[in-house]
C-alpha atoms as a PDB file:
ATOM      1  CA  UNK A   1     103.270  88.195  91.755  1.00  0.00           C
ATOM      2  CA  UNK A   2     104.605  88.840  88.246  1.00  0.00           C
ATOM      3  CA  UNK A   3     107.112  86.036  88.712  1.00  0.00           C
ATOM      4  CA  UNK A   4     104.447  83.721  90.151  1.00  0.00           C
ATOM      5  CA  UNK A   5     102.290  84.251  87.056  1.00  0.00           C
ATOM      6  CA  UNK A   6     105.180  83.552  84.686  1.00  0.00           C
ATOM      7  CA  UNK A   7     105.170  87.090  83.277  1.00  0.00           C
ATOM      8  CA  UNK A   8     108.943  87.390  83.736  1.00  0.00           C
ATOM      9  CA  UNK A   9     111.138  84.922  81.895  1.00  0.00           C
ATOM     10  CA  UNK A  10     114.904  84.967  81.564  1.00  0.00           C
ATOM     11  CA  UNK A  11     117.649  82.378  81.218  1.00  0.00           C
ATOM     12  CA  UNK A  12     120.420  84.321  82.932  1.00  0.00           C
ATOM     13  CA  UNK A  13     120.435  86.846  85.744  1.00  0.00           C
ATOM     14  CA  UNK A  14     117.773  87.622  88.308  1.00  0.00           C
ATOM     15  CA  UNK A  15     114.046  87.624  87.564  1.00  0.00           C
ATOM     16  CA  UNK A  16     113.627  89.981  90.519  1.00  0.00           C
ATOM     17  CA  UNK A  17     116.017  92.522  88.996  1.00  0.00           C
ATOM     18  CA  UNK A  18     114.258  92.317  85.641  1.00  0.00           C
ATOM     19  CA  UNK A  19     110.836  92.733  87.270  1.00  0.00           C
ATOM     20  CA  UNK A  20     112.110  95.745  89.187  1.00  0.00           C
ATOM     21  CA  UNK A  21     113.399  97.255  85.957  1.00  0.00           C
ATOM     22  CA  UNK A  22     110.000  96.745  84.302  1.00  0.00           C
ATOM     23  CA  UNK A  23     108.292  98.518  87.195  1.00  0.00           C
ATOM     24  CA  UNK A  24     110.745 101.425  87.086  1.00  0.00           C
ATOM     25  CA  UNK A  25     109.984 101.896  83.395  1.00  0.00           C
ATOM     26  CA  UNK A  26     106.233 101.959  84.062  1.00  0.00           C
ATOM     27  CA  UNK A  27     106.792 104.469  86.855  1.00  0.00           C
ATOM     28  CA  UNK A  28     108.983 106.662  84.628  1.00  0.00           C
ATOM     29  CA  UNK A  29     106.278 106.662  81.960  1.00  0.00           C
ATOM     30  CA  UNK A  30     103.658 107.807  84.498  1.00  0.00           C
ATOM     31  CA  UNK A  31     101.633 104.599  84.572  1.00  0.00           C
ATOM     32  CA  UNK A  32     101.936 104.913  88.366  1.00  0.00           C
ATOM     33  CA  UNK A  33     102.566 107.718  90.823  1.00  0.00           C
ATOM     34  CA  UNK A  34     103.844 107.551  94.384  1.00  0.00           C
ATOM     35  CA  UNK A  35     101.604 108.184  97.364  1.00  0.00           C
ATOM     36  CA  UNK A  36     103.148 108.541 100.819  1.00  0.00           C
ATOM     37  CA  UNK A  37     101.151 107.757 103.949  1.00  0.00           C
ATOM     38  CA  UNK A  38     103.267 108.248 107.041  1.00  0.00           C
ATOM     39  CA  UNK A  39     106.378 106.094 106.691  1.00  0.00           C
ATOM     40  CA  UNK A  40     104.896 103.978 103.913  1.00  0.00           C
ATOM     41  CA  UNK A  41     105.052 104.581 100.169  1.00  0.00           C
ATOM     42  CA  UNK A  42     102.331 103.285  97.867  1.00  0.00           C
ATOM     43  CA  UNK A  43     102.195 103.191  94.089  1.00  0.00           C
ATOM     44  CA  UNK A  44      98.861 104.176  92.573  1.00  0.00           C
ATOM     45  CA  UNK A  45      97.553 104.124  89.010  1.00  0.00           C
ATOM     46  CA  UNK A  46      96.446 107.417  87.512  1.00  0.00           C
ATOM     47  CA  UNK A  47      92.693 107.672  87.007  1.00  0.00           C
ATOM     48  CA  UNK A  48      92.640 107.433  83.214  1.00  0.00           C
ATOM     49  CA  UNK A  49      95.259 104.672  83.158  1.00  0.00           C
ATOM     50  CA  UNK A  50      93.229 102.760  85.744  1.00  0.00           C
ATOM     51  CA  UNK A  51      90.072 103.088  83.645  1.00  0.00           C
ATOM     52  CA  UNK A  52      91.930 101.888  80.551  1.00  0.00           C
ATOM     53  CA  UNK A  53      93.415  98.921  82.432  1.00  0.00           C
ATOM     54  CA  UNK A  54      89.961  97.927  83.669  1.00  0.00           C
ATOM     55  CA  UNK A  55      88.549  98.116  80.162  1.00  0.00           C
ATOM     56  CA  UNK A  56      91.198  95.956  78.474  1.00  0.00           C
ATOM     57  CA  UNK A  57      91.306  93.395  81.316  1.00  0.00           C
ATOM     58  CA  UNK A  58      87.538  93.084  81.755  1.00  0.00           C
ATOM     59  CA  UNK A  59      87.424  89.426  80.716  1.00  0.00           C
ATOM     60  CA  UNK A  60      90.493  88.378  82.707  1.00  0.00           C
ATOM     61  CA  UNK A  61      90.268  90.364  85.945  1.00  0.00           C
ATOM     62  CA  UNK A  62      87.467  91.102  88.392  1.00  0.00           C
ATOM     63  CA  UNK A  63      86.982  92.763  91.762  1.00  0.00           C
ATOM     64  CA  UNK A  64      84.055  91.924  94.038  1.00  0.00           C
ATOM     65  CA  UNK A  65      82.955  94.164  96.875  1.00  0.00           C
ATOM     66  CA  UNK A  66      80.535  93.075  99.587  1.00  0.00           C
ATOM     67  CA  UNK A  67      77.644  90.759  98.799  1.00  0.00           C
ATOM     68  CA  UNK A  68      78.033  88.747  95.590  1.00  0.00           C
ATOM     69  CA  UNK A  69      74.781  89.231  93.716  1.00  0.00           C
ATOM     70  CA  UNK A  70      76.151  88.444  90.251  1.00  0.00           C
ATOM     71  CA  UNK A  71      78.116  85.476  88.973  1.00  0.00           C
ATOM     72  CA  UNK A  72      81.692  86.021  87.829  1.00  0.00           C
ATOM     73  CA  UNK A  73      82.479  85.332  84.129  1.00  0.00           C
ATOM     74  CA  UNK A  74      84.241  82.020  83.499  1.00  0.00           C
ATOM     75  CA  UNK A  75      86.988  83.877  81.604  1.00  0.00           C
ATOM     76  CA  UNK A  76      88.253  85.600  84.782  1.00  0.00           C
ATOM     77  CA  UNK A  77      91.715  84.446  85.870  1.00  0.00           C
ATOM     78  CA  UNK A  78      92.612  87.103  88.459  1.00  0.00           C
ATOM     79  CA  UNK A  79      90.112  87.891  91.202  1.00  0.00           C
ATOM     80  CA  UNK A  80      90.089  90.150  94.253  1.00  0.00           C
ATOM     81  CA  UNK A  81      87.275  89.842  96.789  1.00  0.00           C
ATOM     82  CA  UNK A  82      86.353  91.240 100.181  1.00  0.00           C
ATOM     83  CA  UNK A  83      86.558  88.713 102.996  1.00  0.00           C
ATOM     84  CA  UNK A  84      82.766  88.870 103.403  1.00  0.00           C
ATOM     85  CA  UNK A  85      82.458  87.376  99.903  1.00  0.00           C
ATOM     86  CA  UNK A  86      84.516  84.237 100.583  1.00  0.00           C
ATOM     87  CA  UNK A  87      81.682  82.006 101.861  1.00  0.00           C
ATOM     88  CA  UNK A  88      79.747  82.595  98.614  1.00  0.00           C
ATOM     89  CA  UNK A  89      82.693  82.355  96.247  1.00  0.00           C
ATOM     90  CA  UNK A  90      82.388  78.674  95.303  1.00  0.00           C
ATOM     91  CA  UNK A  91      78.799  79.252  94.157  1.00  0.00           C
ATOM     92  CA  UNK A  92      79.468  82.359  92.067  1.00  0.00           C
ATOM     93  CA  UNK A  93      82.738  81.575  90.308  1.00  0.00           C
ATOM     94  CA  UNK A  94      84.452  78.693  88.514  1.00  0.00           C
ATOM     95  CA  UNK A  95      87.434  78.617  90.861  1.00  0.00           C
ATOM     96  CA  UNK A  96      89.226  75.950  88.850  1.00  0.00           C
ATOM     97  CA  UNK A  97      90.219  78.591  86.279  1.00  0.00           C
ATOM     98  CA  UNK A  98      91.610  81.179  88.701  1.00  0.00           C
ATOM     99  CA  UNK A  99      95.338  81.958  88.718  1.00  0.00           C
ATOM    100  CA  UNK A 100      95.204  84.753  91.326  1.00  0.00           C
ATOM    101  CA  UNK A 101      93.019  85.266  94.403  1.00  0.00           C
ATOM    102  CA  UNK A 102      93.403  88.364  96.578  1.00  0.00           C
ATOM    103  CA  UNK A 103      91.290  88.780  99.724  1.00  0.00           C
ATOM    104  CA  UNK A 104      91.137  92.338 101.044  1.00  0.00           C
ATOM    105  CA  UNK A 105      89.799  93.780 104.291  1.00  0.00           C
ATOM    106  CA  UNK A 106      86.108  94.337 104.865  1.00  0.00           C
ATOM    107  CA  UNK A 107      85.575  96.301 108.065  1.00  0.00           C
ATOM    108  CA  UNK A 108      81.963  95.220 108.389  1.00  0.00           C
ATOM    109  CA  UNK A 109      82.701  91.487 108.613  1.00  0.00           C
ATOM    110  CA  UNK A 110      85.054  89.363 110.703  1.00  0.00           C
ATOM    111  CA  UNK A 111      85.866  86.046 109.040  1.00  0.00           C
ATOM    112  CA  UNK A 112      87.839  83.752 111.367  1.00  0.00           C
ATOM    113  CA  UNK A 113      87.925  80.647 109.142  1.00  0.00           C
ATOM    114  CA  UNK A 114      88.283  79.897 105.453  1.00  0.00           C
ATOM    115  CA  UNK A 115      85.544  77.667 103.975  1.00  0.00           C
ATOM    116  CA  UNK A 116      86.771  74.061 103.766  1.00  0.00           C
ATOM    117  CA  UNK A 117      85.732  73.618 100.145  1.00  0.00           C
ATOM    118  CA  UNK A 118      87.490  76.738  98.864  1.00  0.00           C
ATOM    119  CA  UNK A 119      91.010  75.357  98.429  1.00  0.00           C
ATOM    120  CA  UNK A 120      89.688  72.106  96.968  1.00  0.00           C
ATOM    121  CA  UNK A 121      88.381  74.089  93.976  1.00  0.00           C
ATOM    122  CA  UNK A 122      91.422  76.314  93.348  1.00  0.00           C
ATOM    123  CA  UNK A 123      93.250  73.694  91.311  1.00  0.00           C
ATOM    124  CA  UNK A 124      95.250  76.082  89.087  1.00  0.00           C
ATOM    125  CA  UNK A 125      95.928  78.898  91.547  1.00  0.00           C
ATOM    126  CA  UNK A 126      99.414  80.436  91.371  1.00  0.00           C
ATOM    127  CA  UNK A 127      99.134  83.453  93.687  1.00  0.00           C
ATOM    128  CA  UNK A 128      97.180  83.714  96.953  1.00  0.00           C
ATOM    129  CA  UNK A 129      96.984  86.882  99.062  1.00  0.00           C
ATOM    130  CA  UNK A 130      95.116  86.386 102.348  1.00  0.00           C
ATOM    131  CA  UNK A 131      96.254  89.574 104.073  1.00  0.00           C
ATOM    132  CA  UNK A 132      92.667  90.769 104.372  1.00  0.00           C
ATOM    133  CA  UNK A 133      91.591  87.738 106.413  1.00  0.00           C
ATOM    134  CA  UNK A 134      91.511  87.371 110.193  1.00  0.00           C
ATOM    135  CA  UNK A 135      92.512  83.734 110.640  1.00  0.00           C
ATOM    136  CA  UNK A 136      94.829  82.013 113.100  1.00  0.00           C
ATOM    137  CA  UNK A 137      95.696  79.035 110.901  1.00  0.00           C
ATOM    138  CA  UNK A 138      95.472  77.805 107.334  1.00  0.00           C
ATOM    139  CA  UNK A 139      93.430  74.736 106.416  1.00  0.00           C
ATOM    140  CA  UNK A 140      95.381  71.551 105.636  1.00  0.00           C
ATOM    141  CA  UNK A 141      93.700  71.687 102.226  1.00  0.00           C
ATOM    142  CA  UNK A 142      96.168  74.374 101.128  1.00  0.00           C
ATOM    143  CA  UNK A 143      98.438  71.479 100.212  1.00  0.00           C
ATOM    144  CA  UNK A 144      96.104  70.752  97.295  1.00  0.00           C
ATOM    145  CA  UNK A 145      97.176  73.967  95.558  1.00  0.00           C
ATOM    146  CA  UNK A 146     100.032  72.208  93.791  1.00  0.00           C
ATOM    147  CA  UNK A 147     100.673  75.058  91.323  1.00  0.00           C
ATOM    148  CA  UNK A 148     100.913  77.734  94.022  1.00  0.00           C
ATOM    149  CA  UNK A 149     103.961  79.992  93.716  1.00  0.00           C
ATOM    150  CA  UNK A 150     103.089  82.924  95.976  1.00  0.00           C
ATOM    151  CA  UNK A 151     101.415  83.163  99.402  1.00  0.00           C
ATOM    152  CA  UNK A 152     100.919  86.326 101.468  1.00  0.00           C
ATOM    153  CA  UNK A 153      99.543  85.621 104.942  1.00  0.00           C
ATOM    154  CA  UNK A 154      97.651  87.847 107.403  1.00  0.00           C
ATOM    155  CA  UNK A 155      99.337  89.009 110.609  1.00  0.00           C
ATOM    156  CA  UNK A 156      96.893  86.935 112.674  1.00  0.00           C
ATOM    157  CA  UNK A 157      98.261  83.550 111.592  1.00  0.00           C
ATOM    158  CA  UNK A 158      99.802  81.525 114.430  1.00  0.00           C
ATOM    159  CA  UNK A 159     100.386  78.177 112.774  1.00  0.00           C
ATOM    160  CA  UNK A 160     101.221  76.793 109.342  1.00  0.00           C
ATOM    161  CA  UNK A 161      99.923  73.314 108.477  1.00  0.00           C
ATOM    162  CA  UNK A 162     102.370  70.563 107.559  1.00  0.00           C
ATOM    163  CA  UNK A 163     100.775  70.422 104.101  1.00  0.00           C
ATOM    164  CA  UNK A 164     102.553  73.698 103.201  1.00  0.00           C
ATOM    165  CA  UNK A 165     105.691  71.571 102.856  1.00  0.00           C
ATOM    166  CA  UNK A 166     104.392  69.795  99.752  1.00  0.00           C
ATOM    167  CA  UNK A 167     103.973  73.004  97.736  1.00  0.00           C
ATOM    168  CA  UNK A 168     107.060  72.242  95.675  1.00  0.00           C
ATOM    169  CA  UNK A 169     106.553  75.164  93.254  1.00  0.00           C
ATOM    170  CA  UNK A 170     106.216  77.773  96.019  1.00  0.00           C
ATOM    171  CA  UNK A 171     108.579  80.699  95.358  1.00  0.00           C
ATOM    172  CA  UNK A 172     107.400  83.318  97.864  1.00  0.00           C
ATOM    173  CA  UNK A 173     106.121  82.858 101.420  1.00  0.00           C
ATOM    174  CA  UNK A 174     105.344  86.252 102.916  1.00  0.00           C
ATOM    175  CA  UNK A 175     104.726  86.206 106.683  1.00  0.00           C
ATOM    176  CA  UNK A 176     104.192  89.618 108.367  1.00  0.00           C
ATOM    177  CA  UNK A 177     106.549  90.509 111.202  1.00  0.00           C
ATOM    178  CA  UNK A 178     103.558  90.955 113.515  1.00  0.00           C
ATOM    179  CA  UNK A 179     102.779  87.230 113.300  1.00  0.00           C
ATOM    180  CA  UNK A 180     103.225  85.255 116.521  1.00  0.00           C
ATOM    181  CA  UNK A 181     103.986  81.833 115.107  1.00  0.00           C
ATOM    182  CA  UNK A 182     104.078  78.832 117.423  1.00  0.00           C
ATOM    183  CA  UNK A 183     105.974  76.583 115.021  1.00  0.00           C
ATOM    184  CA  UNK A 184     106.852  75.885 111.400  1.00  0.00           C
ATOM    185  CA  UNK A 185     106.133  72.693 109.445  1.00  0.00           C
ATOM    186  CA  UNK A 186     108.790  69.998 109.879  1.00  0.00           C
ATOM    187  CA  UNK A 187     109.129  69.651 106.123  1.00  0.00           C
ATOM    188  CA  UNK A 188     109.964  73.269 105.264  1.00  0.00           C
ATOM    189  CA  UNK A 189     113.283  72.087 103.808  1.00  0.00           C
ATOM    190  CA  UNK A 190     111.289  70.432 101.003  1.00  0.00           C
ATOM    191  CA  UNK A 191     110.305  73.818  99.523  1.00  0.00           C
ATOM    192  CA  UNK A 192     113.107  73.589  96.972  1.00  0.00           C
ATOM    193  CA  UNK A 193     111.722  76.390  94.753  1.00  0.00           C
ATOM    194  CA  UNK A 194     111.463  78.964  97.563  1.00  0.00           C
ATOM    195  CA  UNK A 195     113.135  82.254  96.574  1.00  0.00           C
ATOM    196  CA  UNK A 196     111.668  84.686  99.104  1.00  0.00           C
ATOM    197  CA  UNK A 197     110.894  84.047 102.751  1.00  0.00           C
ATOM    198  CA  UNK A 198     109.403  87.117 104.387  1.00  0.00           C
ATOM    199  CA  UNK A 199     109.587  86.372 108.096  1.00  0.00           C
ATOM    200  CA  UNK A 200     110.945  87.990 111.240  1.00  0.00           C
ATOM    201  CA  UNK A 201     114.553  86.928 111.811  1.00  0.00           C
ATOM    202  CA  UNK A 202     113.700  85.556 115.263  1.00  0.00           C
ATOM    203  CA  UNK A 203     111.895  82.657 113.581  1.00  0.00           C
ATOM    204  CA  UNK A 204     114.720  81.574 111.281  1.00  0.00           C
ATOM    205  CA  UNK A 205     116.179  79.162 113.837  1.00  0.00           C
ATOM    206  CA  UNK A 206     112.776  77.442 114.062  1.00  0.00           C
ATOM    207  CA  UNK A 207     112.869  76.411 110.397  1.00  0.00           C
ATOM    208  CA  UNK A 208     114.347  72.954 110.153  1.00  0.00           C
ATOM    209  CA  UNK A 209     116.819  72.445 107.300  1.00  0.00           C
ATOM    210  CA  UNK A 210     116.675  76.028 106.044  1.00  0.00           C
ATOM    211  CA  UNK A 211     120.249  75.666 104.799  1.00  0.00           C
ATOM    212  CA  UNK A 212     119.031  73.320 102.072  1.00  0.00           C
ATOM    213  CA  UNK A 213     116.859  76.038 100.511  1.00  0.00           C
ATOM    214  CA  UNK A 214     119.569  77.090  98.084  1.00  0.00           C
ATOM    215  CA  UNK A 215     117.360  79.351  95.938  1.00  0.00           C
ATOM    216  CA  UNK A 216     116.567  81.770  98.775  1.00  0.00           C
ATOM    217  CA  UNK A 217     117.367  85.373  97.825  1.00  0.00           C
ATOM    218  CA  UNK A 218     118.818  87.982 100.191  1.00  0.00           C
ATOM    219  CA  UNK A 219     120.532  87.511 103.526  1.00  0.00           C
ATOM    220  CA  UNK A 220     119.277  85.281 106.329  1.00  0.00           C
ATOM    221  CA  UNK A 221     119.989  86.377 109.882  1.00  0.00           C
ATOM    222  CA  UNK A 222     120.572  83.622 112.447  1.00  0.00           C
ATOM    223  CA  UNK A 223     120.337  84.164 116.207  1.00  0.00           C
ATOM    224  CA  UNK A 224     122.881  82.017 118.036  1.00  0.00           C
ATOM    225  CA  UNK A 225     122.363  81.425 121.741  1.00  0.00           C
ATOM    226  CA  UNK A 226     125.339  81.295 124.087  1.00  0.00           C
END
């Protein structure tokens, strides 16, 4: 997400390596600490550091839990909401100013669709995390997010709309391995800015023209049938 927001700039070398170095420095200086849960490792802010971060970012960042009873300041650029808040979001926030939208899980509500008017308002969005949603497909309107650089999808998604192919600034498309995708958009080869494609290797052969995505980082595993 740092790269998607333009926080990391460099003329030579890898932005990913530089971002990783920044994070290591923050970790070494105790801005974060590691928390292991089973086989997974999480990085968590210390209590006082978290309180300080909230204080200094009050006008730029907001988190909404449950029912939205108060409007969100127009200065907010980075917003995280529970999925139960999505239907009310267009009424409580000037979405045109948002750069980041993160939707997290809300165990009390099951939201199977994203409101049609939501994406139409997110004109300047750069990072979109929908991992907290329970949806089987994205609306075609996602193609209107022309500045989008980062998408993280929920494991319930089964289909990507063709309009994903016109997101020419998209750098990261994160698709959980648990996804059971039926097909990919025909125009995936048009995503010329794509640097990271998080997808199970069994789907690689389904992506038409993947060889033309020359900015992809890491190795791509192809399954060749006899």
